[in-house]
Amino acid sequence: MFRKGLDKRRGRAGFTLVEILVALTILAGSMFVLVNTHYSALNLHLMTAEQVDARVLLESTVGRAEMALAGKELSGGGDFGSRYPGYSWTYEALEMGGEEGSPLLSDTVFYKVTATLTGPDGESQTLEFYTFSNSEMQTVQQRAS
């Protein structure tokens, strides 16, 4: 009789097919959620990296425009070379009226500048800003040349 009890216990050892299928279903659902979350995070990272690159290039365009304005160039453009293929930049500056009769600002010229960055897909980002040029800036630019 002792053997019969032992045989019954051996027959019940392990998992049933239904238990295994339930466990696999839970595992598959968990994997789906994890892979979907990873994919979403990867897409978000790529979009953010593209936006940061575009912002850095646009700020570079602002710097180029400010330096060109110190040399009295009211418009210009170019590209960023082989590192950023397909990206190009332009700027247009309009001279604004200065402070009439102010001895401190007599040699200062103010500009309203529109800088534009065009991406490889043809999409453009524009940034408008104000800047100025005076004799001190031109002296610095001449020393740097």
C-alpha atoms as a PDB file:
ATOM      1  CA  MET A   1       0.000   0.000   0.000  1.00  0.00           C
ATOM      2  CA  PHE A   2       2.869   2.271   0.598  1.00  0.00           C
ATOM      3  CA  ARG A   3       3.871   1.867  -3.028  1.00  0.00           C
ATOM      4  CA  LYS A   4       0.478   2.918  -4.297  1.00  0.00           C
ATOM      5  CA  GLY A   5       0.721   6.272  -2.469  1.00  0.00           C
ATOM      6  CA  LEU A   6       4.185   6.786  -3.871  1.00  0.00           C
ATOM      7  CA  ASP A   7       2.989   6.111  -7.409  1.00  0.00           C
ATOM      8  CA  LYS A   8       0.146   8.599  -7.049  1.00  0.00           C
ATOM      9  CA  ARG A   9       2.533  11.273  -5.852  1.00  0.00           C
ATOM     10  CA  ARG A  10       4.890  10.596  -8.764  1.00  0.00           C
ATOM     11  CA  GLY A  11       2.066  10.865 -11.242  1.00  0.00           C
ATOM     12  CA  ARG A  12       1.156  14.320  -9.930  1.00  0.00           C
ATOM     13  CA  ALA A  13       4.684  15.746  -9.941  1.00  0.00           C
ATOM     14  CA  GLY A  14       5.342  18.532 -12.495  1.00  0.00           C
ATOM     15  CA  PHE A  15       3.123  21.041 -14.286  1.00  0.00           C
ATOM     16  CA  THR A  16       0.060  20.454 -16.399  1.00  0.00           C
ATOM     17  CA  LEU A  17      -0.131  21.661 -19.977  1.00  0.00           C
ATOM     18  CA  VAL A  18      -2.647  24.348 -19.016  1.00  0.00           C
ATOM     19  CA  GLU A  19      -0.316  25.728 -16.333  1.00  0.00           C
ATOM     20  CA  ILE A  20       2.557  25.888 -18.812  1.00  0.00           C
ATOM     21  CA  LEU A  21       0.382  27.642 -21.417  1.00  0.00           C
ATOM     22  CA  VAL A  22      -0.777  30.216 -18.849  1.00  0.00           C
ATOM     23  CA  ALA A  23       2.832  30.886 -17.806  1.00  0.00           C
ATOM     24  CA  LEU A  24       3.927  31.276 -21.443  1.00  0.00           C
ATOM     25  CA  THR A  25       1.024  33.642 -22.125  1.00  0.00           C
ATOM     26  CA  ILE A  26       2.005  35.823 -19.165  1.00  0.00           C
ATOM     27  CA  LEU A  27       5.641  35.770 -20.279  1.00  0.00           C
ATOM     28  CA  ALA A  28       4.700  36.712 -23.862  1.00  0.00           C
ATOM     29  CA  GLY A  29       2.522  39.587 -22.648  1.00  0.00           C
ATOM     30  CA  SER A  30       5.322  40.874 -20.427  1.00  0.00           C
ATOM     31  CA  MET A  31       7.842  40.650 -23.274  1.00  0.00           C
ATOM     32  CA  PHE A  32       5.462  42.522 -25.583  1.00  0.00           C
ATOM     33  CA  VAL A  33       5.126  45.365 -23.062  1.00  0.00           C
ATOM     34  CA  LEU A  34       8.900  45.532 -22.512  1.00  0.00           C
ATOM     35  CA  VAL A  35       9.768  45.506 -26.226  1.00  0.00           C
ATOM     36  CA  ASN A  36       7.105  48.121 -26.967  1.00  0.00           C
ATOM     37  CA  THR A  37       8.434  50.370 -24.186  1.00  0.00           C
ATOM     38  CA  HIS A  38      12.004  49.960 -25.443  1.00  0.00           C
ATOM     39  CA  TYR A  39      10.952  50.783 -29.011  1.00  0.00           C
ATOM     40  CA  SER A  40       9.090  53.917 -27.859  1.00  0.00           C
ATOM     41  CA  ALA A  41      12.083  55.067 -25.797  1.00  0.00           C
ATOM     42  CA  LEU A  42      14.408  54.526 -28.769  1.00  0.00           C
ATOM     43  CA  ASN A  43      12.155  56.582 -31.065  1.00  0.00           C
ATOM     44  CA  LEU A  44      11.955  59.351 -28.476  1.00  0.00           C
ATOM     45  CA  HIS A  45      15.748  59.380 -28.179  1.00  0.00           C
ATOM     46  CA  LEU A  46      16.200  59.642 -31.965  1.00  0.00           C
ATOM     47  CA  MET A  47      13.680  62.477 -32.245  1.00  0.00           C
ATOM     48  CA  THR A  48      15.335  64.346 -29.393  1.00  0.00           C
ATOM     49  CA  ALA A  49      18.800  63.892 -30.905  1.00  0.00           C
ATOM     50  CA  GLU A  50      17.573  65.307 -34.238  1.00  0.00           C
ATOM     51  CA  GLN A  51      16.006  68.301 -32.502  1.00  0.00           C
ATOM     52  CA  VAL A  52      19.167  68.979 -30.501  1.00  0.00           C
ATOM     53  CA  ASP A  53      21.305  68.790 -33.669  1.00  0.00           C
ATOM     54  CA  ALA A  54      18.971  71.198 -35.453  1.00  0.00           C
ATOM     55  CA  ARG A  55      19.049  73.618 -32.515  1.00  0.00           C
ATOM     56  CA  VAL A  56      22.857  73.525 -32.361  1.00  0.00           C
ATOM     57  CA  LEU A  57      23.083  74.176 -36.109  1.00  0.00           C
ATOM     58  CA  LEU A  58      20.601  77.048 -35.822  1.00  0.00           C
ATOM     59  CA  GLU A  59      22.654  78.586 -33.005  1.00  0.00           C
ATOM     60  CA  SER A  60      25.755  78.166 -35.169  1.00  0.00           C
ATOM     61  CA  THR A  61      23.936  80.091 -37.890  1.00  0.00           C
ATOM     62  CA  VAL A  62      23.251  82.892 -35.403  1.00  0.00           C
ATOM     63  CA  GLY A  63      26.957  83.061 -34.549  1.00  0.00           C
ATOM     64  CA  ARG A  64      27.937  83.148 -38.203  1.00  0.00           C
ATOM     65  CA  ALA A  65      25.403  85.899 -38.877  1.00  0.00           C
ATOM     66  CA  GLU A  66      26.667  88.008 -35.952  1.00  0.00           C
ATOM     67  CA  MET A  67      30.270  87.729 -37.152  1.00  0.00           C
ATOM     68  CA  ALA A  68      29.285  88.596 -40.725  1.00  0.00           C
ATOM     69  CA  LEU A  69      27.290  91.599 -39.523  1.00  0.00           C
ATOM     70  CA  ALA A  70      30.378  92.909 -37.745  1.00  0.00           C
ATOM     71  CA  GLY A  71      31.898  92.990 -41.243  1.00  0.00           C
ATOM     72  CA  LYS A  72      28.802  94.769 -42.656  1.00  0.00           C
ATOM     73  CA  GLU A  73      27.509  91.754 -44.617  1.00  0.00           C
ATOM     74  CA  LEU A  74      23.692  91.982 -44.451  1.00  0.00           C
ATOM     75  CA  SER A  75      22.970  88.549 -45.918  1.00  0.00           C
ATOM     76  CA  GLY A  76      24.711  85.266 -46.410  1.00  0.00           C
ATOM     77  CA  GLY A  77      24.403  81.531 -46.384  1.00  0.00           C
ATOM     78  CA  GLY A  78      26.134  78.231 -46.768  1.00  0.00           C
ATOM     79  CA  ASP A  79      26.169  74.635 -45.624  1.00  0.00           C
ATOM     80  CA  PHE A  80      27.737  72.681 -42.789  1.00  0.00           C
ATOM     81  CA  GLY A  81      29.997  70.463 -44.875  1.00  0.00           C
ATOM     82  CA  SER A  82      30.166  66.688 -44.912  1.00  0.00           C
ATOM     83  CA  ARG A  83      29.433  66.321 -41.197  1.00  0.00           C
ATOM     84  CA  TYR A  84      25.808  67.467 -41.694  1.00  0.00           C
ATOM     85  CA  PRO A  85      24.983  66.708 -45.335  1.00  0.00           C
ATOM     86  CA  GLY A  86      21.826  68.301 -46.643  1.00  0.00           C
ATOM     87  CA  TYR A  87      21.697  71.043 -44.000  1.00  0.00           C
ATOM     88  CA  SER A  88      22.074  74.641 -45.153  1.00  0.00           C
ATOM     89  CA  TRP A  89      21.783  78.039 -43.509  1.00  0.00           C
ATOM     90  CA  THR A  90      20.945  81.573 -44.538  1.00  0.00           C
ATOM     91  CA  TYR A  91      20.473  84.877 -42.807  1.00  0.00           C
ATOM     92  CA  GLU A  92      19.024  88.232 -43.753  1.00  0.00           C
ATOM     93  CA  ALA A  93      19.569  91.400 -41.700  1.00  0.00           C
ATOM     94  CA  LEU A  94      17.667  94.660 -41.780  1.00  0.00           C
ATOM     95  CA  GLU A  95      19.336  97.751 -40.392  1.00  0.00           C
ATOM     96  CA  MET A  96      17.225  99.387 -37.698  1.00  0.00           C
ATOM     97  CA  GLY A  97      17.258 103.040 -36.623  1.00  0.00           C
ATOM     98  CA  GLY A  98      19.685 103.917 -33.851  1.00  0.00           C
ATOM     99  CA  GLU A  99      19.342 106.261 -30.911  1.00  0.00           C
ATOM    100  CA  GLU A 100      19.345 109.779 -32.330  1.00  0.00           C
ATOM    101  CA  GLY A 101      21.467 112.226 -30.378  1.00  0.00           C
ATOM    102  CA  SER A 102      22.917 109.660 -27.968  1.00  0.00           C
ATOM    103  CA  PRO A 103      26.704 110.087 -27.701  1.00  0.00           C
ATOM    104  CA  LEU A 104      27.082 106.565 -26.256  1.00  0.00           C
ATOM    105  CA  LEU A 105      25.417 104.903 -29.236  1.00  0.00           C
ATOM    106  CA  SER A 106      26.618 107.191 -32.016  1.00  0.00           C
ATOM    107  CA  ASP A 107      28.699 104.464 -33.734  1.00  0.00           C
ATOM    108  CA  THR A 108      26.288 101.600 -32.977  1.00  0.00           C
ATOM    109  CA  VAL A 109      24.104 100.082 -35.702  1.00  0.00           C
ATOM    110  CA  PHE A 110      21.199  97.821 -34.744  1.00  0.00           C
ATOM    111  CA  TYR A 111      19.963  94.926 -36.894  1.00  0.00           C
ATOM    112  CA  LYS A 112      16.913  92.701 -36.993  1.00  0.00           C
ATOM    113  CA  VAL A 113      18.179  89.334 -38.231  1.00  0.00           C
ATOM    114  CA  THR A 114      16.281  86.322 -39.557  1.00  0.00           C
ATOM    115  CA  ALA A 115      18.353  83.125 -39.495  1.00  0.00           C
ATOM    116  CA  THR A 116      17.028  80.068 -41.320  1.00  0.00           C
ATOM    117  CA  LEU A 117      18.162  76.459 -41.109  1.00  0.00           C
ATOM    118  CA  THR A 118      17.006  74.109 -43.864  1.00  0.00           C
ATOM    119  CA  GLY A 119      17.236  70.369 -43.239  1.00  0.00           C
ATOM    120  CA  PRO A 120      17.786  67.535 -45.693  1.00  0.00           C
ATOM    121  CA  ASP A 121      14.043  66.956 -45.872  1.00  0.00           C
ATOM    122  CA  GLY A 122      13.468  70.573 -46.974  1.00  0.00           C
ATOM    123  CA  GLU A 123      11.908  71.553 -43.651  1.00  0.00           C
ATOM    124  CA  SER A 124      13.033  74.953 -42.363  1.00  0.00           C
ATOM    125  CA  GLN A 125      13.445  76.425 -38.901  1.00  0.00           C
ATOM    126  CA  THR A 126      13.643  80.173 -38.497  1.00  0.00           C
ATOM    127  CA  LEU A 127      14.931  82.273 -35.630  1.00  0.00           C
ATOM    128  CA  GLU A 128      14.569  86.040 -35.453  1.00  0.00           C
ATOM    129  CA  PHE A 129      16.855  88.052 -33.205  1.00  0.00           C
ATOM    130  CA  TYR A 130      18.280  91.511 -32.737  1.00  0.00           C
ATOM    131  CA  THR A 131      21.943  92.375 -32.635  1.00  0.00           C
ATOM    132  CA  PHE A 132      24.201  95.356 -33.060  1.00  0.00           C
ATOM    133  CA  SER A 133      27.530  96.323 -34.531  1.00  0.00           C
ATOM    134  CA  ASN A 134      29.866  99.067 -33.389  1.00  0.00           C
ATOM    135  CA  SER A 135      33.487 100.147 -33.806  1.00  0.00           C
ATOM    136  CA  GLU A 136      34.672  97.865 -30.973  1.00  0.00           C
ATOM    137  CA  MET A 137      33.290  94.779 -32.725  1.00  0.00           C
ATOM    138  CA  GLN A 138      34.999  95.731 -35.967  1.00  0.00           C
ATOM    139  CA  THR A 139      38.307  96.171 -34.119  1.00  0.00           C
ATOM    140  CA  VAL A 140      37.995  92.697 -32.585  1.00  0.00           C
ATOM    141  CA  GLN A 141      37.163  91.203 -35.966  1.00  0.00           C
ATOM    142  CA  GLN A 142      40.191  92.865 -37.596  1.00  0.00           C
ATOM    143  CA  ARG A 143      42.507  91.497 -34.872  1.00  0.00           C
ATOM    144  CA  ALA A 144      41.102  87.986 -35.333  1.00  0.00           C
ATOM    145  CA  SER A 145      41.716  88.010 -39.102  1.00  0.00           C
END
